[in-house]
C-alpha atoms as a PDB file:
ATOM      1  CA  MET A   1     -10.959  34.485 -39.609  1.00  0.00           C
ATOM      2  CA  GLU A   2     -14.442  35.859 -39.059  1.00  0.00           C
ATOM      3  CA  PHE A   3     -15.650  39.434 -39.303  1.00  0.00           C
ATOM      4  CA  ARG A   4     -15.957  40.820 -35.757  1.00  0.00           C
ATOM      5  CA  VAL A   5     -19.241  42.577 -36.366  1.00  0.00           C
ATOM      6  CA  PRO A   6     -21.905  41.011 -38.589  1.00  0.00           C
ATOM      7  CA  ILE A   7     -22.406  43.031 -41.776  1.00  0.00           C
ATOM      8  CA  PRO A   8     -25.393  41.466 -43.568  1.00  0.00           C
ATOM      9  CA  PHE A   9     -24.525  42.961 -46.985  1.00  0.00           C
ATOM     10  CA  VAL A  10     -20.939  41.674 -46.779  1.00  0.00           C
ATOM     11  CA  GLU A  11     -22.180  38.250 -45.661  1.00  0.00           C
ATOM     12  CA  THR A  12     -24.542  38.146 -48.662  1.00  0.00           C
ATOM     13  CA  LEU A  13     -21.668  38.939 -51.022  1.00  0.00           C
ATOM     14  CA  GLY A  14     -19.504  36.226 -49.466  1.00  0.00           C
ATOM     15  CA  PHE A  15     -16.374  38.198 -48.522  1.00  0.00           C
ATOM     16  CA  GLU A  16     -13.739  36.167 -46.644  1.00  0.00           C
ATOM     17  CA  LEU A  17     -11.577  38.014 -44.104  1.00  0.00           C
ATOM     18  CA  LEU A  18      -8.080  36.519 -44.336  1.00  0.00           C
ATOM     19  CA  ARG A  19      -6.021  38.913 -42.236  1.00  0.00           C
ATOM     20  CA  MET A  20      -6.473  41.981 -40.034  1.00  0.00           C
ATOM     21  CA  GLN A  21      -3.466  43.207 -38.072  1.00  0.00           C
ATOM     22  CA  ASP A  22      -0.977  46.033 -37.706  1.00  0.00           C
ATOM     23  CA  GLY A  23      -2.847  48.506 -39.880  1.00  0.00           C
ATOM     24  CA  GLU A  24      -3.469  46.044 -42.707  1.00  0.00           C
ATOM     25  CA  ALA A  25      -6.333  43.846 -43.838  1.00  0.00           C
ATOM     26  CA  GLU A  26      -6.829  41.267 -46.572  1.00  0.00           C
ATOM     27  CA  ILE A  27     -10.134  39.977 -47.934  1.00  0.00           C
ATOM     28  CA  ALA A  28     -10.749  37.334 -50.612  1.00  0.00           C
ATOM     29  CA  PHE A  29     -13.835  37.267 -52.813  1.00  0.00           C
ATOM     30  CA  ASP A  30     -15.079  34.708 -55.327  1.00  0.00           C
ATOM     31  CA  LEU A  31     -17.173  36.401 -58.012  1.00  0.00           C
ATOM     32  CA  ARG A  32     -20.468  34.750 -58.901  1.00  0.00           C
ATOM     33  CA  ASP A  33     -22.767  35.500 -61.842  1.00  0.00           C
ATOM     34  CA  GLU A  34     -24.955  37.772 -59.720  1.00  0.00           C
ATOM     35  CA  HIS A  35     -21.927  40.024 -59.078  1.00  0.00           C
ATOM     36  CA  HIS A  36     -21.412  40.721 -62.784  1.00  0.00           C
ATOM     37  CA  ASN A  37     -22.353  43.749 -64.838  1.00  0.00           C
ATOM     38  CA  SER A  38     -23.794  43.566 -68.378  1.00  0.00           C
ATOM     39  CA  TRP A  39     -20.266  42.875 -69.729  1.00  0.00           C
ATOM     40  CA  GLY A  40     -19.957  39.697 -67.649  1.00  0.00           C
ATOM     41  CA  VAL A  41     -17.261  41.033 -65.307  1.00  0.00           C
ATOM     42  CA  ALA A  42     -17.304  42.356 -61.729  1.00  0.00           C
ATOM     43  CA  HIS A  43     -19.814  45.155 -61.234  1.00  0.00           C
ATOM     44  CA  GLY A  44     -18.087  48.362 -60.127  1.00  0.00           C
ATOM     45  CA  GLY A  45     -20.319  48.549 -57.059  1.00  0.00           C
ATOM     46  CA  VAL A  46     -19.080  45.162 -55.889  1.00  0.00           C
ATOM     47  CA  LEU A  47     -15.456  46.237 -56.338  1.00  0.00           C
ATOM     48  CA  MET A  48     -16.106  49.519 -54.532  1.00  0.00           C
ATOM     49  CA  THR A  49     -17.747  47.648 -51.656  1.00  0.00           C
ATOM     50  CA  LEU A  50     -14.784  45.254 -51.460  1.00  0.00           C
ATOM     51  CA  LEU A  51     -12.359  48.191 -51.343  1.00  0.00           C
ATOM     52  CA  ASP A  52     -14.487  50.041 -48.780  1.00  0.00           C
ATOM     53  CA  VAL A  53     -14.652  47.024 -46.472  1.00  0.00           C
ATOM     54  CA  VAL A  54     -10.948  46.152 -46.706  1.00  0.00           C
ATOM     55  CA  MET A  55      -9.893  49.759 -46.039  1.00  0.00           C
ATOM     56  CA  ALA A  56     -12.316  50.015 -43.102  1.00  0.00           C
ATOM     57  CA  HIS A  57     -10.840  46.862 -41.621  1.00  0.00           C
ATOM     58  CA  ALA A  58      -7.295  48.160 -42.128  1.00  0.00           C
ATOM     59  CA  SER A  59      -8.262  51.337 -40.264  1.00  0.00           C
ATOM     60  CA  ARG A  60      -9.430  49.192 -37.338  1.00  0.00           C
ATOM     61  CA  ALA A  61      -6.480  46.758 -37.405  1.00  0.00           C
ATOM     62  CA  THR A  62      -4.678  47.839 -34.271  1.00  0.00           C
ATOM     63  CA  ALA A  63      -2.257  45.864 -32.164  1.00  0.00           C
ATOM     64  CA  ALA A  64      -4.980  45.368 -29.547  1.00  0.00           C
ATOM     65  CA  ASP A  65      -5.485  41.702 -28.712  1.00  0.00           C
ATOM     66  CA  ASP A  66      -9.026  42.416 -27.570  1.00  0.00           C
ATOM     67  CA  GLN A  67     -11.010  42.855 -30.786  1.00  0.00           C
ATOM     68  CA  SER A  68     -13.917  44.331 -28.845  1.00  0.00           C
ATOM     69  CA  ALA A  69     -11.616  47.254 -27.953  1.00  0.00           C
ATOM     70  CA  ARG A  70     -11.255  48.170 -31.630  1.00  0.00           C
ATOM     71  CA  PRO A  71     -13.374  51.183 -32.583  1.00  0.00           C
ATOM     72  CA  GLY A  72     -15.998  51.139 -35.291  1.00  0.00           C
ATOM     73  CA  VAL A  73     -15.601  53.258 -38.413  1.00  0.00           C
ATOM     74  CA  VAL A  74     -17.799  54.903 -41.010  1.00  0.00           C
ATOM     75  CA  THR A  75     -16.728  55.988 -44.477  1.00  0.00           C
ATOM     76  CA  VAL A  76     -16.277  59.745 -44.910  1.00  0.00           C
ATOM     77  CA  GLU A  77     -15.007  59.705 -48.494  1.00  0.00           C
ATOM     78  CA  MET A  78     -13.605  57.307 -51.056  1.00  0.00           C
ATOM     79  CA  LYS A  79     -11.986  57.653 -54.482  1.00  0.00           C
ATOM     80  CA  THR A  80     -11.834  54.581 -56.703  1.00  0.00           C
ATOM     81  CA  SER A  81     -10.022  53.835 -59.961  1.00  0.00           C
ATOM     82  CA  PHE A  82     -10.652  50.739 -62.086  1.00  0.00           C
ATOM     83  CA  MET A  83      -7.697  49.372 -64.066  1.00  0.00           C
ATOM     84  CA  ARG A  84      -9.021  46.179 -65.667  1.00  0.00           C
ATOM     85  CA  PRO A  85     -12.098  43.941 -65.526  1.00  0.00           C
ATOM     86  CA  GLY A  86     -12.432  41.847 -62.391  1.00  0.00           C
ATOM     87  CA  THR A  87     -12.995  38.124 -62.915  1.00  0.00           C
ATOM     88  CA  GLY A  88     -12.715  34.964 -60.811  1.00  0.00           C
ATOM     89  CA  ARG A  89     -11.222  35.070 -57.326  1.00  0.00           C
ATOM     90  CA  LEU A  90     -10.204  38.545 -56.198  1.00  0.00           C
ATOM     91  CA  LEU A  91      -7.881  39.556 -53.390  1.00  0.00           C
ATOM     92  CA  ALA A  92      -8.272  42.939 -51.702  1.00  0.00           C
ATOM     93  CA  GLN A  93      -5.610  44.474 -49.499  1.00  0.00           C
ATOM     94  CA  GLY A  94      -6.082  47.549 -47.340  1.00  0.00           C
ATOM     95  CA  ARG A  95      -3.498  49.618 -45.532  1.00  0.00           C
ATOM     96  CA  LEU A  96      -3.749  52.306 -42.867  1.00  0.00           C
ATOM     97  CA  LEU A  97      -1.578  55.213 -43.998  1.00  0.00           C
ATOM     98  CA  HIS A  98      -2.187  57.628 -41.116  1.00  0.00           C
ATOM     99  CA  ARG A  99      -4.593  58.078 -38.253  1.00  0.00           C
ATOM    100  CA  THR A 100      -5.622  60.837 -35.914  1.00  0.00           C
ATOM    101  CA  ALA A 101      -7.845  60.571 -32.854  1.00  0.00           C
ATOM    102  CA  THR A 102     -10.941  60.685 -35.065  1.00  0.00           C
ATOM    103  CA  LEU A 103      -9.898  59.888 -38.660  1.00  0.00           C
ATOM    104  CA  ALA A 104      -8.134  57.115 -40.572  1.00  0.00           C
ATOM    105  CA  PHE A 105      -6.519  57.639 -43.983  1.00  0.00           C
ATOM    106  CA  THR A 106      -6.215  54.444 -46.007  1.00  0.00           C
ATOM    107  CA  ASP A 107      -5.573  52.932 -49.402  1.00  0.00           C
ATOM    108  CA  GLY A 108      -6.621  49.643 -50.915  1.00  0.00           C
ATOM    109  CA  THR A 109      -6.073  47.463 -53.951  1.00  0.00           C
ATOM    110  CA  VAL A 110      -7.917  44.606 -55.616  1.00  0.00           C
ATOM    111  CA  ARG A 111      -5.968  42.062 -57.660  1.00  0.00           C
ATOM    112  CA  ASN A 112      -7.092  39.115 -59.756  1.00  0.00           C
ATOM    113  CA  ALA A 113      -5.780  35.545 -59.378  1.00  0.00           C
ATOM    114  CA  ALA A 114      -2.862  36.377 -61.704  1.00  0.00           C
ATOM    115  CA  GLY A 115      -1.838  39.238 -59.382  1.00  0.00           C
ATOM    116  CA  GLN A 116      -2.881  41.945 -61.844  1.00  0.00           C
ATOM    117  CA  LEU A 117      -4.242  45.182 -60.440  1.00  0.00           C
ATOM    118  CA  VAL A 118      -8.010  45.413 -60.960  1.00  0.00           C
ATOM    119  CA  GLY A 119      -8.732  48.503 -58.857  1.00  0.00           C
ATOM    120  CA  HIS A 120      -7.287  50.979 -56.399  1.00  0.00           C
ATOM    121  CA  ALA A 121      -8.912  53.277 -53.856  1.00  0.00           C
ATOM    122  CA  SER A 122      -8.090  55.776 -51.180  1.00  0.00           C
ATOM    123  CA  GLY A 123     -10.477  56.404 -48.352  1.00  0.00           C
ATOM    124  CA  THR A 124     -11.045  58.397 -45.190  1.00  0.00           C
ATOM    125  CA  PHE A 125     -12.891  56.845 -42.264  1.00  0.00           C
ATOM    126  CA  LYS A 126     -14.213  58.335 -39.024  1.00  0.00           C
ATOM    127  CA  TYR A 127     -13.706  56.394 -35.804  1.00  0.00           C
ATOM    128  CA  MET A 128     -16.973  55.932 -33.935  1.00  0.00           C
ATOM    129  CA  ARG A 129     -17.861  54.814 -30.442  1.00  0.00           C
ATOM    130  CA  ALA A 130     -19.958  51.674 -30.457  1.00  0.00           C
ATOM    131  CA  LEU A 131     -23.145  51.477 -28.449  1.00  0.00           C
ATOM    132  CA  PRO A 132     -23.623  48.233 -26.511  1.00  0.00           C
ATOM    133  CA  VAL A 133     -27.084  47.408 -27.874  1.00  0.00           C
ATOM    134  CA  GLY A 134     -28.650  47.428 -31.315  1.00  0.00           C
ATOM    135  CA  GLU A 135     -31.428  45.864 -33.318  1.00  0.00           C
ATOM    136  CA  GLY A 136     -31.359  42.096 -32.928  1.00  0.00           C
ATOM    137  CA  GLY A 137     -28.725  42.344 -30.188  1.00  0.00           C
ATOM    138  CA  ARG A 138     -26.025  43.618 -32.570  1.00  0.00           C
ATOM    139  CA  ARG A 139     -23.793  46.520 -31.652  1.00  0.00           C
ATOM    140  CA  ILE A 140     -24.595  49.706 -33.523  1.00  0.00           C
ATOM    141  CA  GLN A 141     -22.540  52.813 -34.121  1.00  0.00           C
ATOM    142  CA  LYS A 142     -23.488  56.150 -32.603  1.00  0.00           C
ATOM    143  CA  LEU A 143     -23.940  58.446 -35.590  1.00  0.00           C
ATOM    144  CA  ASN A 144     -24.283  61.692 -33.707  1.00  0.00           C
ATOM    145  CA  ALA A 145     -22.682  64.628 -35.530  1.00  0.00           C
ATOM    146  CA  SER A 146     -21.762  66.229 -32.200  1.00  0.00           C
ATOM    147  CA  ASP A 147     -19.235  63.442 -31.408  1.00  0.00           C
END
């Protein structure tokens, strides 16, 4: 499954979208040396990005068949806890807990190949209208505070 909207940073990291439906999303990620911190394990920023992206996708995972009808989201806040060092192939799962007309409340986990919990996060996302045109022909989000 491909990401609906190109996210250059996510593409550079190599995230793989496995599932996105019914308020849930799942993303796999194979750590490479450049994703490590000085201890030789997953850098916290990489794990936080993985959690952010999987929760954002869960917030957009509606029953709509037409993916273009799904709204965009931006992160409002996120709290992350790290349980153990991340190594190897990681699996992130995000879940939509509650939504309003403008906000999505989510949680997410990252597990290692053995199924052990590496990290957990909760996040709040704001639904945004997408504009039809952006730089390079990509859709961009309208970030107007009055919306």
